[in-house]
N, C-alpha and C. Protein backbone atom coordinates (compact mmCIF):
# COMPACT_ATOMS: atom_id res chain seq x y z
N MET A 1 111.05 100.28 73.71
CA MET A 1 112.00 101.10 72.96
C MET A 1 112.23 102.40 73.73
N ALA A 2 113.47 102.84 73.73
CA ALA A 2 113.86 104.00 74.52
C ALA A 2 113.24 105.29 73.99
N LEU A 3 112.96 106.21 74.93
CA LEU A 3 112.54 107.55 74.57
C LEU A 3 113.78 108.43 74.57
N ILE A 4 113.96 109.21 73.53
CA ILE A 4 115.19 109.99 73.38
C ILE A 4 114.86 111.47 73.23
N PHE A 5 115.64 112.29 73.91
CA PHE A 5 115.48 113.74 73.82
C PHE A 5 116.79 114.35 73.36
N GLU A 6 116.71 115.22 72.38
CA GLU A 6 117.88 115.95 71.91
C GLU A 6 117.58 117.44 71.96
N GLY A 7 118.51 118.20 72.45
CA GLY A 7 118.27 119.63 72.49
C GLY A 7 119.50 120.43 72.86
N ASN A 8 119.53 121.67 72.42
CA ASN A 8 120.57 122.60 72.84
C ASN A 8 120.00 124.01 72.76
N ALA A 9 120.80 124.98 73.18
CA ALA A 9 120.31 126.36 73.27
C ALA A 9 120.23 127.06 71.92
N ASN A 10 120.82 126.48 70.88
CA ASN A 10 120.89 127.16 69.59
C ASN A 10 119.93 126.63 68.53
N SER A 11 119.17 125.60 68.85
CA SER A 11 118.23 125.06 67.86
C SER A 11 117.05 124.40 68.57
N ASP A 12 116.05 124.04 67.79
CA ASP A 12 114.87 123.40 68.37
C ASP A 12 115.25 122.07 69.03
N SER A 13 114.55 121.77 70.10
CA SER A 13 114.74 120.49 70.77
C SER A 13 113.82 119.45 70.12
N ILE A 14 114.24 118.20 70.18
CA ILE A 14 113.45 117.12 69.58
C ILE A 14 113.26 116.00 70.59
N PHE A 15 112.02 115.57 70.73
CA PHE A 15 111.70 114.43 71.58
C PHE A 15 111.27 113.27 70.68
N PHE A 16 112.01 112.17 70.75
CA PHE A 16 111.72 111.02 69.90
C PHE A 16 110.92 109.98 70.69
N LYS A 17 109.80 109.58 70.15
CA LYS A 17 109.05 108.46 70.71
C LYS A 17 109.01 107.38 69.64
N HIS A 18 109.81 106.35 69.83
CA HIS A 18 109.96 105.33 68.80
C HIS A 18 108.77 104.36 68.74
N HIS A 19 108.52 103.88 67.55
CA HIS A 19 107.48 102.88 67.32
C HIS A 19 108.12 101.69 66.60
N SER A 20 108.33 100.62 67.33
CA SER A 20 109.02 99.46 66.77
C SER A 20 108.15 98.72 65.76
N LEU A 21 108.79 98.25 64.68
CA LEU A 21 108.10 97.47 63.65
C LEU A 21 108.49 95.99 63.70
N VAL A 22 109.37 95.63 64.61
CA VAL A 22 109.88 94.26 64.66
C VAL A 22 108.76 93.25 64.86
N THR A 23 107.94 93.46 65.87
CA THR A 23 106.85 92.52 66.16
C THR A 23 105.85 92.48 65.02
N PHE A 24 105.54 93.63 64.45
CA PHE A 24 104.60 93.68 63.32
C PHE A 24 105.11 92.83 62.16
N TYR A 25 106.40 92.98 61.84
CA TYR A 25 106.98 92.20 60.74
C TYR A 25 106.94 90.70 61.04
N LEU A 26 107.22 90.34 62.30
CA LEU A 26 107.21 88.92 62.67
C LEU A 26 105.81 88.34 62.56
N VAL A 27 104.82 89.07 63.05
CA VAL A 27 103.43 88.60 62.98
C VAL A 27 103.01 88.38 61.53
N GLN A 28 103.39 89.30 60.66
CA GLN A 28 103.04 89.16 59.24
C GLN A 28 103.76 87.97 58.62
N ALA A 29 105.02 87.77 58.97
CA ALA A 29 105.78 86.63 58.45
C ALA A 29 105.12 85.32 58.85
N GLU A 30 104.73 85.21 60.11
CA GLU A 30 104.09 83.98 60.60
C GLU A 30 102.72 83.79 59.97
N ARG A 31 102.00 84.87 59.81
CA ARG A 31 100.67 84.80 59.22
C ARG A 31 100.72 84.26 57.78
N TYR A 32 101.59 84.85 56.98
CA TYR A 32 101.66 84.44 55.58
C TYR A 32 102.33 83.07 55.43
N ALA A 33 103.20 82.72 56.36
CA ALA A 33 103.80 81.38 56.33
C ALA A 33 102.73 80.32 56.57
N ASP A 34 101.84 80.58 57.52
CA ASP A 34 100.74 79.65 57.80
C ASP A 34 99.84 79.48 56.58
N ILE A 35 99.52 80.59 55.93
CA ILE A 35 98.68 80.53 54.73
C ILE A 35 99.38 79.73 53.64
N SER A 36 100.67 79.98 53.48
CA SER A 36 101.44 79.31 52.44
C SER A 36 101.53 77.81 52.68
N VAL A 37 101.75 77.41 53.93
CA VAL A 37 101.83 75.98 54.26
C VAL A 37 100.50 75.29 53.96
N ASN A 38 99.41 75.92 54.32
CA ASN A 38 98.09 75.32 54.12
C ASN A 38 97.67 75.27 52.66
N ASN A 39 98.19 76.19 51.85
CA ASN A 39 97.77 76.26 50.44
C ASN A 39 98.84 75.77 49.47
N HIS A 40 99.91 75.20 49.99
CA HIS A 40 101.04 74.83 49.12
C HIS A 40 100.67 73.78 48.08
N THR A 41 101.14 74.01 46.86
CA THR A 41 101.02 73.05 45.77
C THR A 41 102.39 72.88 45.14
N ASP A 42 102.86 71.65 45.04
CA ASP A 42 104.19 71.40 44.48
C ASP A 42 104.34 72.03 43.10
N GLY A 43 105.46 72.73 42.90
CA GLY A 43 105.77 73.30 41.60
C GLY A 43 105.07 74.60 41.28
N VAL A 44 104.25 75.09 42.22
CA VAL A 44 103.51 76.33 41.99
C VAL A 44 104.07 77.43 42.89
N LEU A 45 104.52 78.52 42.29
CA LEU A 45 105.04 79.65 43.06
C LEU A 45 103.89 80.44 43.65
N GLN A 46 103.90 80.60 44.98
CA GLN A 46 102.80 81.29 45.66
C GLN A 46 103.27 82.62 46.24
N SER A 47 102.44 83.62 46.08
CA SER A 47 102.78 84.95 46.59
C SER A 47 102.88 84.94 48.11
N ASP A 48 102.09 84.11 48.79
CA ASP A 48 102.12 84.06 50.25
C ASP A 48 103.50 83.64 50.76
N SER A 49 104.14 82.72 50.05
CA SER A 49 105.48 82.28 50.44
C SER A 49 106.47 83.42 50.33
N ILE A 50 106.38 84.16 49.23
CA ILE A 50 107.29 85.28 49.01
C ILE A 50 107.09 86.35 50.08
N VAL A 51 105.85 86.67 50.39
CA VAL A 51 105.54 87.69 51.40
C VAL A 51 106.10 87.28 52.76
N ALA A 52 105.93 86.01 53.13
CA ALA A 52 106.43 85.53 54.42
C ALA A 52 107.95 85.64 54.49
N ILE A 53 108.63 85.26 53.42
CA ILE A 53 110.09 85.30 53.39
C ILE A 53 110.60 86.74 53.50
N VAL A 54 109.98 87.65 52.77
CA VAL A 54 110.41 89.05 52.80
C VAL A 54 110.14 89.67 54.17
N PHE A 55 108.97 89.41 54.75
CA PHE A 55 108.66 89.95 56.08
C PHE A 55 109.62 89.39 57.13
N ALA A 56 109.99 88.12 57.01
CA ALA A 56 110.90 87.51 57.98
C ALA A 56 112.27 88.20 57.94
N SER A 57 112.76 88.47 56.75
CA SER A 57 114.06 89.15 56.63
C SER A 57 113.96 90.59 57.13
N MET A 58 112.82 91.25 56.85
CA MET A 58 112.61 92.61 57.35
C MET A 58 112.58 92.63 58.87
N CYS A 59 112.01 91.59 59.47
CA CYS A 59 111.94 91.50 60.93
C CYS A 59 113.33 91.47 61.54
N ILE A 60 114.19 90.61 61.02
CA ILE A 60 115.55 90.50 61.56
C ILE A 60 116.33 91.79 61.34
N GLU A 61 116.18 92.36 60.16
CA GLU A 61 116.91 93.60 59.86
C GLU A 61 116.44 94.74 60.75
N ALA A 62 115.14 94.85 60.96
CA ALA A 62 114.61 95.90 61.83
C ALA A 62 115.09 95.69 63.27
N PHE A 63 115.09 94.44 63.71
CA PHE A 63 115.55 94.12 65.06
C PHE A 63 117.01 94.54 65.26
N VAL A 64 117.85 94.17 64.31
CA VAL A 64 119.28 94.51 64.40
C VAL A 64 119.47 96.02 64.43
N ASN A 65 118.76 96.73 63.58
CA ASN A 65 118.91 98.19 63.52
C ASN A 65 118.42 98.86 64.81
N GLU A 66 117.31 98.37 65.36
CA GLU A 66 116.77 98.96 66.60
C GLU A 66 117.71 98.71 67.77
N MET A 67 118.22 97.48 67.89
CA MET A 67 119.13 97.17 68.99
C MET A 67 120.43 97.96 68.85
N ALA A 68 120.87 98.15 67.61
CA ALA A 68 122.10 98.91 67.38
C ALA A 68 121.95 100.35 67.86
N GLU A 69 120.77 100.94 67.66
CA GLU A 69 120.55 102.32 68.11
C GLU A 69 120.57 102.42 69.62
N ASP A 70 120.21 101.34 70.31
CA ASP A 70 120.28 101.34 71.77
C ASP A 70 121.71 101.15 72.26
N LEU A 71 122.49 100.37 71.50
CA LEU A 71 123.84 100.01 71.95
C LEU A 71 124.91 101.01 71.55
N PHE A 72 124.77 101.59 70.36
CA PHE A 72 125.84 102.42 69.80
C PHE A 72 125.39 103.86 69.58
N LYS A 73 126.34 104.74 69.58
CA LYS A 73 126.05 106.16 69.36
C LYS A 73 127.00 106.73 68.30
N ASN A 74 126.51 107.71 67.58
CA ASN A 74 127.32 108.51 66.65
C ASN A 74 128.17 107.66 65.72
N THR A 75 129.50 107.80 65.83
CA THR A 75 130.41 107.12 64.90
C THR A 75 130.30 105.61 64.98
N ASP A 76 130.16 105.08 66.20
CA ASP A 76 130.04 103.63 66.36
C ASP A 76 128.81 103.09 65.63
N LEU A 77 127.71 103.81 65.72
CA LEU A 77 126.48 103.38 65.05
C LEU A 77 126.67 103.35 63.54
N GLU A 78 127.33 104.36 63.03
CA GLU A 78 127.57 104.42 61.58
C GLU A 78 128.55 103.32 61.16
N ASP A 79 129.57 103.09 61.97
CA ASP A 79 130.53 102.02 61.67
C ASP A 79 129.86 100.66 61.67
N PHE A 80 128.95 100.45 62.62
CA PHE A 80 128.22 99.18 62.68
C PHE A 80 127.36 99.00 61.44
N SER A 81 126.69 100.06 61.03
CA SER A 81 125.81 99.98 59.86
C SER A 81 126.57 99.56 58.61
N PHE A 82 127.82 100.02 58.49
CA PHE A 82 128.62 99.71 57.30
C PHE A 82 129.67 98.62 57.56
N LEU A 83 129.63 98.03 58.77
CA LEU A 83 130.57 96.96 59.14
C LEU A 83 132.02 97.36 58.88
N ARG A 84 132.41 98.49 59.44
CA ARG A 84 133.78 98.96 59.23
C ARG A 84 134.46 99.20 60.57
N ASN A 85 135.76 99.47 60.49
CA ASN A 85 136.59 99.68 61.68
C ASN A 85 136.46 98.50 62.66
N ARG A 86 136.10 98.72 63.90
CA ARG A 86 136.10 97.61 64.86
C ARG A 86 134.98 96.60 64.61
N PHE A 87 134.03 96.95 63.75
CA PHE A 87 132.94 96.03 63.43
C PHE A 87 133.18 95.25 62.15
N LYS A 88 134.31 95.47 61.55
CA LYS A 88 134.62 94.77 60.30
C LYS A 88 134.84 93.29 60.58
N LYS A 89 134.13 92.44 59.83
CA LYS A 89 134.24 90.99 60.02
C LYS A 89 134.57 90.32 58.68
N SER A 90 135.47 89.37 58.75
CA SER A 90 135.82 88.63 57.54
C SER A 90 134.82 87.50 57.33
N GLY A 91 134.90 86.85 56.20
CA GLY A 91 133.99 85.74 55.92
C GLY A 91 133.04 86.07 54.79
N LYS A 92 132.42 85.02 54.25
CA LYS A 92 131.55 85.18 53.09
C LYS A 92 130.08 85.33 53.44
N SER A 93 129.74 85.30 54.71
CA SER A 93 128.34 85.43 55.10
C SER A 93 127.82 86.83 54.80
N SER A 94 126.51 86.96 54.75
CA SER A 94 125.88 88.25 54.44
C SER A 94 126.11 89.26 55.55
N SER A 95 125.93 90.53 55.23
CA SER A 95 126.11 91.59 56.23
C SER A 95 125.09 91.44 57.36
N LEU A 96 123.87 90.98 57.05
CA LEU A 96 122.86 90.83 58.09
C LEU A 96 123.26 89.72 59.06
N THR A 97 123.75 88.61 58.55
CA THR A 97 124.19 87.52 59.42
C THR A 97 125.34 87.99 60.32
N LYS A 98 126.26 88.74 59.76
CA LYS A 98 127.38 89.27 60.55
C LYS A 98 126.88 90.22 61.63
N LYS A 99 125.88 91.03 61.30
CA LYS A 99 125.34 91.98 62.28
C LYS A 99 124.61 91.26 63.41
N VAL A 100 123.92 90.18 63.09
CA VAL A 100 123.25 89.40 64.14
C VAL A 100 124.30 88.88 65.13
N ALA A 101 125.39 88.33 64.61
CA ALA A 101 126.46 87.83 65.48
C ALA A 101 127.06 88.96 66.31
N LEU A 102 127.28 90.11 65.69
CA LEU A 102 127.89 91.25 66.38
C LEU A 102 127.01 91.81 67.47
N ILE A 103 125.72 91.91 67.21
CA ILE A 103 124.81 92.54 68.16
C ILE A 103 124.74 91.74 69.47
N PHE A 104 124.80 90.41 69.36
CA PHE A 104 124.80 89.57 70.56
C PHE A 104 126.15 89.64 71.26
N GLN A 105 127.21 89.71 70.49
CA GLN A 105 128.55 89.81 71.06
C GLN A 105 128.71 91.11 71.84
N GLU A 106 128.22 92.20 71.27
CA GLU A 106 128.35 93.51 71.91
C GLU A 106 127.44 93.64 73.13
N ALA A 107 126.22 93.11 73.03
CA ALA A 107 125.25 93.28 74.12
C ALA A 107 125.48 92.32 75.28
N PHE A 108 125.87 91.07 74.96
CA PHE A 108 125.94 90.04 76.00
C PHE A 108 127.29 89.33 76.07
N ASP A 109 128.21 89.68 75.19
CA ASP A 109 129.52 89.04 75.15
C ASP A 109 129.40 87.52 74.97
N ILE A 110 128.53 87.11 74.06
CA ILE A 110 128.36 85.69 73.77
C ILE A 110 128.39 85.47 72.26
N LYS A 111 128.71 84.25 71.88
CA LYS A 111 128.70 83.88 70.48
C LYS A 111 127.38 83.18 70.15
N VAL A 112 126.80 83.58 69.05
CA VAL A 112 125.54 82.96 68.61
C VAL A 112 125.84 81.59 68.03
N LYS A 113 124.98 80.63 68.32
CA LYS A 113 125.16 79.28 67.78
C LYS A 113 125.18 79.33 66.25
N GLN A 114 126.02 78.49 65.67
CA GLN A 114 126.14 78.46 64.22
C GLN A 114 124.84 78.06 63.55
N SER A 115 124.05 77.22 64.21
CA SER A 115 122.77 76.79 63.63
C SER A 115 121.83 77.97 63.44
N LEU A 116 121.84 78.90 64.39
CA LEU A 116 120.98 80.08 64.27
C LEU A 116 121.49 81.01 63.17
N LEU A 117 122.80 81.21 63.12
CA LEU A 117 123.37 82.05 62.07
C LEU A 117 123.14 81.44 60.69
N SER A 118 123.20 80.13 60.60
CA SER A 118 122.96 79.45 59.32
C SER A 118 121.53 79.65 58.85
N SER A 119 120.58 79.63 59.80
CA SER A 119 119.18 79.83 59.42
C SER A 119 118.95 81.26 58.92
N VAL A 120 119.66 82.22 59.52
CA VAL A 120 119.57 83.61 59.05
C VAL A 120 120.19 83.73 57.66
N GLU A 121 121.33 83.08 57.47
CA GLU A 121 122.01 83.14 56.17
C GLU A 121 121.15 82.50 55.06
N ASP A 122 120.50 81.39 55.38
CA ASP A 122 119.62 80.74 54.40
C ASP A 122 118.47 81.67 54.02
N LEU A 123 117.93 82.35 55.02
CA LEU A 123 116.83 83.29 54.77
C LEU A 123 117.30 84.44 53.88
N VAL A 124 118.46 84.99 54.18
CA VAL A 124 118.99 86.10 53.38
C VAL A 124 119.23 85.66 51.94
N ARG A 125 119.79 84.48 51.78
CA ARG A 125 120.06 83.96 50.43
C ARG A 125 118.77 83.80 49.64
N LEU A 126 117.74 83.29 50.30
CA LEU A 126 116.45 83.10 49.64
C LEU A 126 115.81 84.44 49.30
N ARG A 127 115.86 85.37 50.26
CA ARG A 127 115.31 86.71 50.03
C ARG A 127 116.02 87.41 48.86
N ASN A 128 117.34 87.31 48.84
CA ASN A 128 118.12 87.98 47.79
C ASN A 128 117.80 87.45 46.40
N LYS A 129 117.59 86.14 46.31
CA LYS A 129 117.25 85.57 45.00
C LYS A 129 115.88 86.04 44.52
N LEU A 130 115.00 86.30 45.46
CA LEU A 130 113.67 86.81 45.10
C LEU A 130 113.73 88.29 44.74
N ILE A 131 114.47 89.05 45.52
CA ILE A 131 114.55 90.50 45.31
C ILE A 131 115.41 90.83 44.09
N HIS A 132 116.57 90.18 44.00
CA HIS A 132 117.49 90.44 42.89
C HIS A 132 117.30 89.34 41.84
N TYR A 133 116.15 89.36 41.24
CA TYR A 133 115.71 88.31 40.32
C TYR A 133 116.61 88.17 39.10
N LYS A 134 116.94 86.92 38.77
CA LYS A 134 117.70 86.61 37.55
C LYS A 134 116.94 85.56 36.77
N LEU A 135 116.84 85.75 35.47
CA LEU A 135 116.07 84.84 34.63
C LEU A 135 116.59 83.41 34.72
N THR A 136 117.91 83.24 34.83
CA THR A 136 118.47 81.89 34.88
C THR A 136 118.02 81.12 36.11
N ASP A 137 117.65 81.83 37.19
CA ASP A 137 117.20 81.15 38.40
C ASP A 137 115.85 80.47 38.19
N THR A 138 115.08 80.92 37.22
CA THR A 138 113.75 80.35 36.99
C THR A 138 113.80 79.22 35.96
N ALA A 139 114.99 78.91 35.47
CA ALA A 139 115.11 77.89 34.42
C ALA A 139 115.30 76.50 35.02
N THR A 140 114.62 75.51 34.43
CA THR A 140 114.90 74.12 34.76
C THR A 140 116.15 73.71 33.97
N ARG A 141 117.11 73.06 34.62
CA ARG A 141 118.37 72.72 33.97
C ARG A 141 118.43 71.21 33.70
N PHE A 142 118.59 70.86 32.44
CA PHE A 142 118.69 69.47 32.02
C PHE A 142 120.17 69.17 31.75
N ILE A 143 120.75 68.30 32.55
CA ILE A 143 122.16 67.97 32.41
C ILE A 143 122.29 66.82 31.41
N LEU A 144 122.91 67.10 30.28
CA LEU A 144 123.06 66.14 29.19
C LEU A 144 124.51 65.64 29.12
N PRO A 145 124.74 64.51 28.43
CA PRO A 145 126.11 64.01 28.26
C PRO A 145 126.95 65.03 27.49
N PRO A 146 128.27 64.91 27.56
CA PRO A 146 129.14 65.83 26.81
C PRO A 146 128.84 65.78 25.31
N LEU A 147 129.19 66.84 24.61
CA LEU A 147 128.97 66.89 23.17
C LEU A 147 129.75 65.79 22.46
N SER A 148 129.11 65.24 21.43
CA SER A 148 129.78 64.22 20.61
C SER A 148 130.61 64.90 19.52
N GLN A 149 131.76 64.34 19.24
CA GLN A 149 132.63 64.87 18.20
C GLN A 149 132.55 63.97 16.97
N THR A 150 132.14 64.53 15.84
CA THR A 150 132.06 63.77 14.59
C THR A 150 132.89 64.48 13.52
N GLU A 151 133.41 63.65 12.61
CA GLU A 151 134.25 64.21 11.54
C GLU A 151 133.49 64.16 10.22
N GLY A 152 133.37 65.30 9.57
CA GLY A 152 132.66 65.37 8.30
C GLY A 152 133.52 64.90 7.14
N GLU A 153 132.90 64.84 5.95
CA GLU A 153 133.61 64.38 4.76
C GLU A 153 134.79 65.28 4.41
N ASP A 154 134.69 66.55 4.80
CA ASP A 154 135.78 67.48 4.49
C ASP A 154 136.89 67.44 5.53
N GLY A 155 136.74 66.54 6.50
CA GLY A 155 137.78 66.40 7.52
C GLY A 155 137.60 67.29 8.73
N GLN A 156 136.64 68.19 8.68
CA GLN A 156 136.40 69.08 9.82
C GLN A 156 135.56 68.36 10.88
N ARG A 157 135.88 68.63 12.13
CA ARG A 157 135.16 68.00 13.24
C ARG A 157 134.01 68.90 13.70
N MET A 158 132.90 68.25 14.00
CA MET A 158 131.72 68.98 14.46
C MET A 158 131.28 68.46 15.82
N SER A 159 130.78 69.38 16.64
CA SER A 159 130.23 69.01 17.95
C SER A 159 128.72 68.91 17.82
N THR A 160 128.16 67.80 18.28
CA THR A 160 126.71 67.60 18.18
C THR A 160 126.16 67.16 19.52
N VAL A 161 124.87 67.42 19.74
CA VAL A 161 124.19 66.99 20.95
C VAL A 161 122.87 66.36 20.56
N ASP A 162 122.53 65.28 21.24
CA ASP A 162 121.28 64.57 20.97
C ASP A 162 120.27 64.92 22.06
N PHE A 163 119.35 65.83 21.76
CA PHE A 163 118.37 66.27 22.75
C PHE A 163 117.31 65.21 23.05
N SER A 164 117.30 64.14 22.26
CA SER A 164 116.31 63.08 22.49
C SER A 164 116.76 62.13 23.60
N LYS A 165 118.04 62.21 23.98
CA LYS A 165 118.54 61.34 25.04
C LYS A 165 117.99 61.76 26.40
N THR A 166 117.85 60.78 27.29
CA THR A 166 117.38 61.07 28.64
C THR A 166 118.45 61.86 29.40
N PRO A 167 118.09 62.97 30.01
CA PRO A 167 119.08 63.77 30.75
C PRO A 167 119.71 62.97 31.88
N LYS A 168 120.98 63.22 32.15
CA LYS A 168 121.67 62.58 33.27
C LYS A 168 121.10 63.06 34.60
N LYS A 169 120.66 64.31 34.60
CA LYS A 169 120.14 64.91 35.83
C LYS A 169 119.27 66.10 35.47
N ILE A 170 118.24 66.33 36.27
CA ILE A 170 117.37 67.50 36.07
C ILE A 170 117.42 68.35 37.34
N ILE A 171 117.85 69.59 37.20
CA ILE A 171 117.91 70.52 38.34
C ILE A 171 116.68 71.42 38.27
N PRO A 172 115.79 71.34 39.26
CA PRO A 172 114.57 72.15 39.22
C PRO A 172 114.87 73.63 39.35
N PRO A 173 113.99 74.49 38.90
CA PRO A 173 114.21 75.94 39.00
C PRO A 173 114.15 76.41 40.44
N PHE A 174 114.79 77.53 40.69
CA PHE A 174 114.82 78.11 42.04
C PHE A 174 113.42 78.32 42.60
N VAL A 175 112.48 78.73 41.74
CA VAL A 175 111.14 79.06 42.24
C VAL A 175 110.48 77.88 42.92
N GLN A 176 110.91 76.65 42.59
CA GLN A 176 110.31 75.48 43.22
C GLN A 176 110.77 75.31 44.67
N THR A 177 111.80 76.06 45.06
CA THR A 177 112.25 76.01 46.45
C THR A 177 111.51 77.03 47.32
N VAL A 178 110.74 77.90 46.68
CA VAL A 178 109.97 78.91 47.43
C VAL A 178 108.64 78.27 47.81
N THR A 179 108.70 77.39 48.77
CA THR A 179 107.56 76.58 49.18
C THR A 179 106.95 77.08 50.49
N GLY A 180 105.87 76.44 50.88
CA GLY A 180 105.28 76.74 52.17
C GLY A 180 106.25 76.40 53.29
N GLU A 181 106.98 75.30 53.11
CA GLU A 181 107.97 74.90 54.10
C GLU A 181 109.08 75.95 54.23
N ALA A 182 109.52 76.49 53.09
CA ALA A 182 110.56 77.52 53.11
C ALA A 182 110.06 78.78 53.81
N ALA A 183 108.80 79.12 53.56
CA ALA A 183 108.21 80.29 54.21
C ALA A 183 108.14 80.09 55.72
N ASP A 184 107.72 78.89 56.13
CA ASP A 184 107.63 78.58 57.56
C ASP A 184 109.02 78.59 58.20
N ARG A 185 109.99 78.04 57.50
CA ARG A 185 111.36 78.01 58.00
C ARG A 185 111.91 79.43 58.16
N SER A 186 111.56 80.31 57.25
CA SER A 186 112.02 81.71 57.31
C SER A 186 111.42 82.43 58.51
N ALA A 187 110.12 82.23 58.73
CA ALA A 187 109.45 82.87 59.87
C ALA A 187 110.03 82.35 61.18
N ARG A 188 110.32 81.06 61.24
CA ARG A 188 110.91 80.49 62.45
C ARG A 188 112.32 81.01 62.70
N ALA A 189 113.05 81.28 61.63
CA ALA A 189 114.40 81.85 61.79
C ALA A 189 114.32 83.22 62.45
N ALA A 190 113.39 84.04 61.99
CA ALA A 190 113.22 85.38 62.57
C ALA A 190 112.81 85.29 64.03
N LYS A 191 111.85 84.39 64.32
CA LYS A 191 111.38 84.25 65.70
C LYS A 191 112.49 83.72 66.61
N SER A 192 113.34 82.86 66.08
CA SER A 192 114.43 82.29 66.88
C SER A 192 115.43 83.36 67.30
N VAL A 193 115.69 84.31 66.41
CA VAL A 193 116.61 85.41 66.75
C VAL A 193 116.04 86.23 67.90
N LEU A 194 114.75 86.57 67.80
CA LEU A 194 114.12 87.37 68.86
C LEU A 194 114.03 86.59 70.17
N SER A 195 113.71 85.30 70.08
CA SER A 195 113.60 84.47 71.28
C SER A 195 114.94 84.34 71.99
N PHE A 196 116.00 84.18 71.21
CA PHE A 196 117.33 84.06 71.80
C PHE A 196 117.73 85.37 72.48
N TRP A 197 117.38 86.49 71.88
CA TRP A 197 117.67 87.79 72.50
C TRP A 197 116.95 87.91 73.84
N ASN A 198 115.68 87.53 73.87
CA ASN A 198 114.91 87.61 75.11
C ASN A 198 115.49 86.69 76.18
N GLU A 199 115.97 85.52 75.78
CA GLU A 199 116.61 84.61 76.72
C GLU A 199 117.87 85.24 77.32
N CYS A 200 118.63 85.90 76.47
CA CYS A 200 119.87 86.54 76.93
C CYS A 200 119.57 87.70 77.88
N VAL A 201 118.52 88.45 77.58
CA VAL A 201 118.13 89.57 78.45
C VAL A 201 117.74 89.04 79.83
N LYS A 202 116.92 87.98 79.87
CA LYS A 202 116.48 87.40 81.14
C LYS A 202 117.66 86.84 81.92
N SER A 203 118.58 86.20 81.21
CA SER A 203 119.76 85.63 81.86
C SER A 203 120.63 86.72 82.47
N LYS A 204 120.78 87.82 81.74
CA LYS A 204 121.59 88.93 82.24
C LYS A 204 120.93 89.60 83.43
N GLN A 205 119.61 89.76 83.38
CA GLN A 205 118.88 90.36 84.50
C GLN A 205 118.99 89.50 85.74
N GLY A 206 118.93 88.18 85.56
CA GLY A 206 119.06 87.27 86.69
C GLY A 206 120.44 87.33 87.31
N ALA A 207 121.45 87.50 86.46
CA ALA A 207 122.83 87.58 86.96
C ALA A 207 123.09 88.88 87.69
N ASP A 208 122.36 89.94 87.32
CA ASP A 208 122.56 91.25 87.94
C ASP A 208 121.93 91.34 89.32
N HIS A 209 120.98 90.44 89.62
CA HIS A 209 120.30 90.51 90.91
C HIS A 209 120.98 89.60 91.94
């Protein structure tokens, strides 16, 4: 990480010595993913899975922010943070996924493979459901036949449902997708982003010599 010095004749000078958290977050994501995989029980929500998923998303976000500070200055850095002006991108993907694509485009003039961006998007979606918790996400959904229409003696129609019937389909709750496999997949997504960056750096260095 770069060492930065700021100073002028009218105020105190500042020397910045940065301490990156990217590797720390990745190590923690991999550590808790391993624990989660080894201790996984079907249908049981495990804290280790949640920790791995959150650390994996923090790793990618920290990486993007650190690389942006190296690439952009002042207004450009702020525009990148808010995805505005020349960094504005259309599409329904998350801001983090868009930033991953942008950071590689700006640094190496290459497009990130869709498979890598999809893995980041899946991680963000999983993280968001955990962080922005909704009660309906924890519900098991039983899909039943349409309501039956019956006519009473007074001529009025009533809608009825027979809960004793076998459901047409059962949709498991979101928490059942927070598995050891999901935790491992999240950690691998974070590592893949960093590995691809390192590959691009080596390729660029080789081309410069």
